[in-house]
Amino acid sequence: MKATLPAAATDTNDGLVELADLELLRLRARVAAELKRRGLASNVGQVAESLALAFYNGTPGRPNLQPAPTGTQNVDALSRRGDRYSIKGVLDARKTGTIYPDRDNRDKQLFEYLLIVRIDPDWQLIGIHEFDWKTFCDVRSWDSRMNAWYVGLAAKTLARATTFTPAATRCSVGLPIVDCG
């Protein structure tokens, strides 16, 4: 199943190429400090969560999601019905981050849905792939070094998901909850 997400244009004429290396590093530090001060997303995982929440909350037929309490293992969002969502952001990787199993039962259900949120180098939304628990179990792989599950991003695997892709305009990044509706 495919749905369409709106998107926003990017400006590549921003003057960064003219900055010396040290100036660019100092700018990065200042931007990181300002992001923290404002409570804005500053890494791929946080941006992915914001994009996913904004899409789901702004799309008719999708459940409204709210952030899960901080520290909740493997669960990043909750629906009003109580469904648990694990959200994995992917920028340029070939697999998701790890999903740690229950200590006592490796196959215990940890969430109802896994959302793989793919973003481009400008942190704009490429697509959201939604896996229900059963499909996640079918496509997951075990990382013996990390003692955790992950999902590879091969086209065959992603074809098993419900996929939402951006439309002509892109979801913008920078707000705690991004307007993707």
Protein backbone atom coordinates (compact mmCIF):
# COMPACT_ATOMS: atom_id res chain seq x y z
CA MET A 1 0.00 0.00 0.00
CA LYS A 2 1.35 3.45 -0.85
CA ALA A 3 0.26 6.86 0.40
CA THR A 4 1.59 10.28 -0.49
CA LEU A 5 3.39 12.71 1.79
CA PRO A 6 3.88 16.43 1.01
CA ALA A 7 7.42 17.85 0.83
CA ALA A 8 9.29 21.23 0.87
CA ALA A 9 11.97 22.60 -1.45
CA THR A 10 15.60 22.82 -0.33
CA ASP A 11 17.95 25.78 -0.85
CA THR A 12 21.43 24.70 -1.96
CA ASN A 13 22.67 28.29 -2.36
CA ASP A 14 23.31 28.87 1.35
CA GLY A 15 26.92 30.11 1.31
CA LEU A 16 28.36 27.24 3.32
CA VAL A 17 30.88 26.33 0.62
CA GLU A 18 32.58 29.71 1.09
CA LEU A 19 33.26 29.10 4.80
CA ALA A 20 36.73 28.01 5.92
CA ASP A 21 36.86 24.65 7.71
CA LEU A 22 37.27 26.22 11.15
CA GLU A 23 34.40 28.64 10.51
CA LEU A 24 32.19 25.74 9.46
CA LEU A 25 33.06 23.78 12.62
CA ARG A 26 32.32 26.81 14.81
CA LEU A 27 29.01 27.30 13.00
CA ARG A 28 28.16 23.65 13.63
CA ALA A 29 28.83 24.06 17.35
CA ARG A 30 26.67 27.19 17.52
CA VAL A 31 23.85 25.50 15.61
CA ALA A 32 24.02 22.44 17.91
CA ALA A 33 23.81 24.68 20.97
CA GLU A 34 20.84 26.59 19.54
CA LEU A 35 19.03 23.37 18.62
CA LYS A 36 19.48 22.15 22.19
CA ARG A 37 18.31 25.48 23.64
CA ARG A 38 15.13 25.33 21.54
CA GLY A 39 14.52 21.64 22.23
CA LEU A 40 14.67 20.76 18.53
CA ALA A 41 15.64 17.46 16.94
CA SER A 42 19.40 17.23 16.46
CA ASN A 43 20.02 13.67 15.28
CA VAL A 44 18.58 11.30 12.68
CA GLY A 45 16.49 9.36 15.21
CA GLN A 46 14.86 12.47 16.65
CA VAL A 47 14.13 13.88 13.20
CA ALA A 48 12.66 10.54 12.09
CA GLU A 49 10.38 10.46 15.12
CA SER A 50 9.19 14.03 14.46
CA LEU A 51 8.50 13.27 10.80
CA ALA A 52 6.63 10.06 11.62
CA LEU A 53 4.47 11.70 14.30
CA ALA A 54 3.68 14.64 12.05
CA PHE A 55 2.70 12.39 9.16
CA TYR A 56 0.51 10.09 11.21
CA ASN A 57 -1.17 12.95 13.09
CA GLY A 58 -1.78 14.92 9.88
CA THR A 59 -3.08 12.09 7.69
CA PRO A 60 -6.73 10.98 7.70
CA GLY A 61 -6.97 7.24 8.23
CA ARG A 62 -3.69 7.03 10.15
CA PRO A 63 -3.79 6.82 13.94
CA ASN A 64 -2.87 9.85 16.01
CA LEU A 65 0.43 9.20 17.78
CA GLN A 66 2.02 10.75 20.82
CA PRO A 67 5.62 10.34 21.98
CA ALA A 68 6.19 7.46 24.39
CA PRO A 69 7.64 8.32 27.79
CA THR A 70 11.40 8.89 27.71
CA GLY A 71 13.34 5.72 28.40
CA THR A 72 10.68 3.31 27.13
CA GLN A 73 12.67 0.49 25.52
CA ASN A 74 11.89 -0.15 21.82
CA VAL A 75 8.77 2.06 21.89
CA ASP A 76 8.90 5.63 20.58
CA ALA A 77 5.21 6.45 20.09
CA LEU A 78 1.79 5.34 21.27
CA SER A 79 -1.57 5.49 19.52
CA ARG A 80 -4.80 6.42 21.26
CA ARG A 81 -5.81 2.75 20.96
CA GLY A 82 -2.69 1.75 22.88
CA ASP A 83 -0.70 0.41 19.93
CA ARG A 84 3.05 0.71 20.43
CA TYR A 85 5.26 2.05 17.63
CA SER A 86 9.01 1.60 17.36
CA ILE A 87 10.56 4.20 15.02
CA LYS A 88 13.92 3.73 13.32
CA GLY A 89 15.45 6.56 11.32
CA VAL A 90 17.74 5.77 8.40
CA LEU A 91 19.92 8.27 6.56
CA ASP A 92 22.50 6.34 4.55
CA ALA A 93 22.55 2.90 6.16
CA ARG A 94 21.76 -0.54 4.75
CA LYS A 95 19.93 -1.65 7.89
CA THR A 96 18.06 -0.20 10.85
CA GLY A 97 19.46 0.34 14.28
CA THR A 98 19.11 -2.46 16.79
CA ILE A 99 15.92 -3.64 18.44
CA TYR A 100 16.72 -5.35 21.71
CA PRO A 101 14.64 -8.41 22.63
CA ASP A 102 13.10 -9.12 26.01
CA ARG A 103 15.72 -10.63 28.35
CA ASP A 104 13.63 -13.67 29.24
CA ASN A 105 11.83 -14.33 25.96
CA ARG A 106 13.63 -13.41 22.73
CA ASP A 107 10.39 -13.70 20.72
CA LYS A 108 8.14 -11.66 23.06
CA GLN A 109 6.13 -9.01 21.18
CA LEU A 110 7.71 -5.62 21.89
CA PHE A 111 5.51 -3.35 19.76
CA GLU A 112 2.61 -3.53 17.32
CA TYR A 113 4.31 -1.57 14.51
CA LEU A 114 7.82 -0.74 13.36
CA LEU A 115 8.20 2.45 11.32
CA ILE A 116 11.36 2.79 9.25
CA VAL A 117 11.68 6.46 8.36
CA ARG A 118 14.12 7.12 5.52
CA ILE A 119 15.55 10.63 5.14
CA ASP A 120 17.97 12.16 2.62
CA PRO A 121 21.25 14.02 3.37
CA ASP A 122 19.26 17.27 3.80
CA TRP A 123 17.13 15.45 6.43
CA GLN A 124 14.06 15.58 4.20
CA LEU A 125 11.63 12.67 4.20
CA ILE A 126 12.13 9.98 1.55
CA GLY A 127 9.52 7.57 2.87
CA ILE A 128 8.01 5.72 5.81
CA HIS A 129 7.83 1.91 5.80
CA GLU A 130 5.35 0.43 8.27
CA PHE A 131 5.76 -3.19 9.40
CA ASP A 132 3.27 -4.90 11.69
CA TRP A 133 4.73 -7.25 14.32
CA LYS A 134 4.18 -10.42 12.27
CA THR A 135 5.90 -8.98 9.20
CA PHE A 136 8.73 -7.62 11.35
CA CYS A 137 9.26 -11.16 12.69
CA ASP A 138 9.36 -12.49 9.11
CA VAL A 139 11.97 -9.98 7.87
CA ARG A 140 14.14 -9.34 10.95
CA SER A 141 17.73 -10.52 11.23
CA TRP A 142 19.79 -11.25 14.33
CA ASP A 143 22.96 -9.29 15.08
CA SER A 144 24.98 -11.71 17.23
CA ARG A 145 27.54 -9.04 18.17
CA MET A 146 24.83 -6.73 19.54
CA ASN A 147 22.45 -9.50 20.70
CA ALA A 148 19.61 -7.65 19.01
CA TRP A 149 17.35 -7.64 15.96
CA TYR A 150 17.60 -5.34 12.94
CA VAL A 151 15.86 -5.01 9.57
CA GLY A 152 17.87 -4.92 6.36
CA LEU A 153 16.79 -2.31 3.82
CA ALA A 154 16.79 -4.47 0.68
CA ALA A 155 14.01 -3.65 -1.78
CA LYS A 156 12.53 -7.14 -1.26
CA THR A 157 12.25 -6.49 2.49
CA LEU A 158 10.81 -2.98 2.15
CA ALA A 159 8.24 -4.31 -0.36
CA ARG A 160 6.67 -6.26 2.54
CA ALA A 161 5.83 -2.99 4.35
CA THR A 162 3.03 -0.49 3.93
CA THR A 163 4.95 2.38 2.35
CA PHE A 164 4.27 6.11 2.39
CA THR A 165 6.29 8.27 0.00
CA PRO A 166 6.61 12.06 -0.37
CA ALA A 167 4.61 14.03 -2.92
CA ALA A 168 5.78 17.07 -4.88
CA THR A 169 6.58 18.99 -1.70
CA ARG A 170 8.61 17.61 1.18
CA CYS A 171 8.12 17.56 4.92
CA SER A 172 10.31 20.22 6.48
CA VAL A 173 12.63 19.52 9.38
CA GLY A 174 13.32 21.83 12.29
CA LEU A 175 10.13 22.00 14.31
CA PRO A 176 9.53 19.70 17.27
CA ILE A 177 6.53 18.34 15.39
CA VAL A 178 6.83 18.86 11.65
CA ASP A 179 3.92 19.91 9.44
CA CYS A 180 3.50 17.11 6.91
CA GLY A 181 -0.28 17.40 6.49
